[in-house]
Amino acid sequence: MARSLAFVIAAVILAPSAHAAGNAPLIGAWHLVAVEQPAPDGSMQKIECPGLLTFTTDGHMALQLMQPETTANAYSHGGYEATFGTFRMGGKGQFTYHVTGSLVRDLVGKDLPRRFRITGKTLEIRSAHTDEHWRVIWARD
């Protein structure tokens, strides 16, 4: 009896949660390939820079990237973007990122809706807001 109870307890503890099953394609570490954002003249500019994005099975997310000093946007300070928080899956190809901490303090406490697409080992993330026209490309090894 004790042996079967131990097996049941281990199975419950080690089994993936329903939350983890829904976010499985995102789970893991992604390295930054490129950021695309509008240039002052309205054209899209591609910025190649280092970055790391991590999604965990328990619904946490952390992001860091270092853009050139000349690059400025609502998500970075001095060319550096660093945030962490939680995420929850939405409809197909959507999640919402709740920012718990950020280098840009105006983001703390905000829910940021995102659209994503995974193709092979590549992850493309865009804002779900129609007034934001950036795109970030991530990849995993």
Protein backbone atom coordinates (compact mmCIF):
# COMPACT_ATOMS: atom_id res chain seq x y z
CA MET A 1 0.00 0.00 0.00
CA ALA A 2 2.76 2.45 0.96
CA ARG A 3 4.60 1.64 -2.27
CA SER A 4 1.53 2.39 -4.44
CA LEU A 5 0.82 5.59 -2.51
CA ALA A 6 4.40 6.73 -3.08
CA PHE A 7 3.99 5.99 -6.80
CA VAL A 8 0.77 8.05 -6.99
CA ILE A 9 2.37 10.98 -5.15
CA ALA A 10 5.43 10.88 -7.43
CA ALA A 11 3.23 10.73 -10.54
CA VAL A 12 1.24 13.78 -9.41
CA ILE A 13 4.37 15.78 -8.55
CA LEU A 14 6.27 14.87 -11.73
CA ALA A 15 3.36 15.08 -14.19
CA PRO A 16 3.33 18.20 -16.37
CA SER A 17 0.65 20.66 -15.36
CA ALA A 18 -2.22 21.63 -17.62
CA HIS A 19 -0.64 25.08 -17.79
CA ALA A 20 2.64 23.61 -19.00
CA ALA A 21 0.89 21.53 -21.66
CA GLY A 22 -0.69 24.65 -23.20
CA ASN A 23 2.53 26.64 -23.38
CA ALA A 24 4.85 23.78 -24.38
CA PRO A 25 5.99 25.23 -27.74
CA LEU A 26 7.34 28.37 -26.03
CA ILE A 27 9.11 26.66 -23.12
CA GLY A 28 12.88 27.01 -23.01
CA ALA A 29 15.56 29.53 -23.84
CA TRP A 30 15.61 31.51 -27.11
CA HIS A 31 18.47 33.66 -28.41
CA LEU A 32 17.80 36.86 -30.31
CA VAL A 33 18.21 36.88 -34.08
CA ALA A 34 16.94 40.39 -34.86
CA VAL A 35 14.61 43.20 -33.85
CA GLU A 36 12.66 45.03 -36.54
CA GLN A 37 11.16 48.39 -35.66
CA PRO A 38 10.10 51.55 -37.46
CA ALA A 39 12.90 54.00 -38.29
CA PRO A 40 12.28 57.76 -38.02
CA ASP A 41 11.39 57.85 -41.74
CA GLY A 42 8.75 55.12 -41.26
CA SER A 43 10.69 52.33 -42.94
CA MET A 44 11.40 49.14 -40.99
CA GLN A 45 14.94 48.89 -39.69
CA LYS A 46 16.52 45.59 -38.73
CA ILE A 47 18.69 45.67 -35.62
CA GLU A 48 20.94 42.73 -34.86
CA CYS A 49 21.94 42.54 -31.20
CA PRO A 50 22.42 40.00 -28.42
CA GLY A 51 19.45 38.88 -26.35
CA LEU A 52 17.92 36.06 -24.35
CA LEU A 53 14.26 35.14 -23.82
CA THR A 54 13.22 32.41 -21.40
CA PHE A 55 9.83 30.78 -20.81
CA THR A 56 9.40 28.32 -17.93
CA THR A 57 6.87 25.52 -17.47
CA ASP A 58 5.34 27.25 -14.46
CA GLY A 59 4.44 30.36 -16.49
CA HIS A 60 7.39 32.69 -15.90
CA MET A 61 9.12 34.73 -18.57
CA ALA A 62 12.32 36.78 -18.60
CA LEU A 63 13.82 38.87 -21.36
CA GLN A 64 17.10 40.72 -21.82
CA LEU A 65 18.51 42.35 -24.91
CA MET A 66 21.14 44.94 -25.63
CA GLN A 67 20.49 47.27 -28.55
CA PRO A 68 22.92 49.85 -29.94
CA GLU A 69 23.02 53.04 -27.84
CA THR A 70 21.30 54.99 -30.61
CA THR A 71 18.20 52.80 -30.44
CA ALA A 72 15.38 54.08 -28.24
CA ASN A 73 11.90 52.69 -27.60
CA ALA A 74 9.28 52.33 -24.85
CA TYR A 75 10.75 49.03 -23.66
CA SER A 76 14.42 49.89 -23.20
CA HIS A 77 16.62 52.34 -21.35
CA GLY A 78 20.03 53.29 -22.74
CA GLY A 79 19.67 50.58 -25.36
CA TYR A 80 19.14 47.82 -22.78
CA GLU A 81 15.88 45.98 -22.22
CA ALA A 82 15.37 43.78 -19.17
CA THR A 83 12.03 42.50 -17.90
CA PHE A 84 10.65 39.55 -16.00
CA GLY A 85 7.19 38.39 -15.06
CA THR A 86 4.58 35.80 -15.91
CA PHE A 87 2.75 34.82 -19.06
CA ARG A 88 -0.56 33.17 -19.81
CA MET A 89 -1.64 31.67 -23.08
CA GLY A 90 -4.53 33.24 -24.97
CA GLY A 91 -6.08 32.16 -28.25
CA LYS A 92 -4.08 30.39 -30.92
CA GLY A 93 -0.75 32.17 -31.38
CA GLN A 94 -1.30 34.60 -28.50
CA PHE A 95 -0.09 35.13 -24.96
CA THR A 96 -0.19 37.95 -22.44
CA TYR A 97 2.98 38.96 -20.63
CA HIS A 98 2.42 40.42 -17.13
CA VAL A 99 5.49 42.50 -16.24
CA THR A 100 6.57 42.07 -12.62
CA GLY A 101 9.88 43.90 -12.95
CA SER A 102 11.54 46.01 -15.61
CA LEU A 103 14.42 48.38 -16.22
CA VAL A 104 11.72 50.72 -17.61
CA ARG A 105 9.58 51.13 -14.50
CA ASP A 106 6.53 52.37 -16.44
CA LEU A 107 6.09 48.77 -17.65
CA VAL A 108 5.82 47.26 -14.16
CA GLY A 109 2.35 45.87 -13.53
CA LYS A 110 1.27 46.07 -17.18
CA ASP A 111 -0.23 43.26 -19.21
CA LEU A 112 1.33 43.18 -22.68
CA PRO A 113 -0.64 41.15 -25.23
CA ARG A 114 1.57 39.41 -27.79
CA ARG A 115 1.08 37.44 -30.99
CA PHE A 116 3.56 34.73 -31.84
CA ARG A 117 4.37 32.21 -34.54
CA ILE A 118 6.78 29.30 -34.31
CA THR A 119 8.29 27.91 -37.49
CA GLY A 120 10.79 25.12 -36.88
CA LYS A 121 13.27 26.52 -34.36
CA THR A 122 12.30 30.15 -34.96
CA LEU A 123 9.92 32.22 -32.81
CA GLU A 124 8.46 35.48 -34.11
CA ILE A 125 6.80 37.80 -31.57
CA ARG A 126 4.79 40.93 -32.33
CA SER A 127 2.67 43.24 -30.22
CA ALA A 128 -1.07 42.63 -30.39
CA HIS A 129 -1.57 46.42 -30.24
CA THR A 130 -2.30 47.80 -33.71
CA ASP A 131 -0.31 50.99 -33.01
CA GLU A 132 2.95 49.07 -32.37
CA HIS A 133 4.74 47.87 -35.50
CA TRP A 134 7.79 46.00 -34.22
CA ARG A 135 8.75 42.37 -34.70
CA VAL A 136 11.32 40.28 -32.81
CA ILE A 137 12.82 37.08 -34.18
CA TRP A 138 14.21 34.49 -31.75
CA ALA A 139 15.75 31.06 -32.36
CA ARG A 140 16.76 28.06 -30.33
CA ASP A 141 19.55 25.61 -30.92
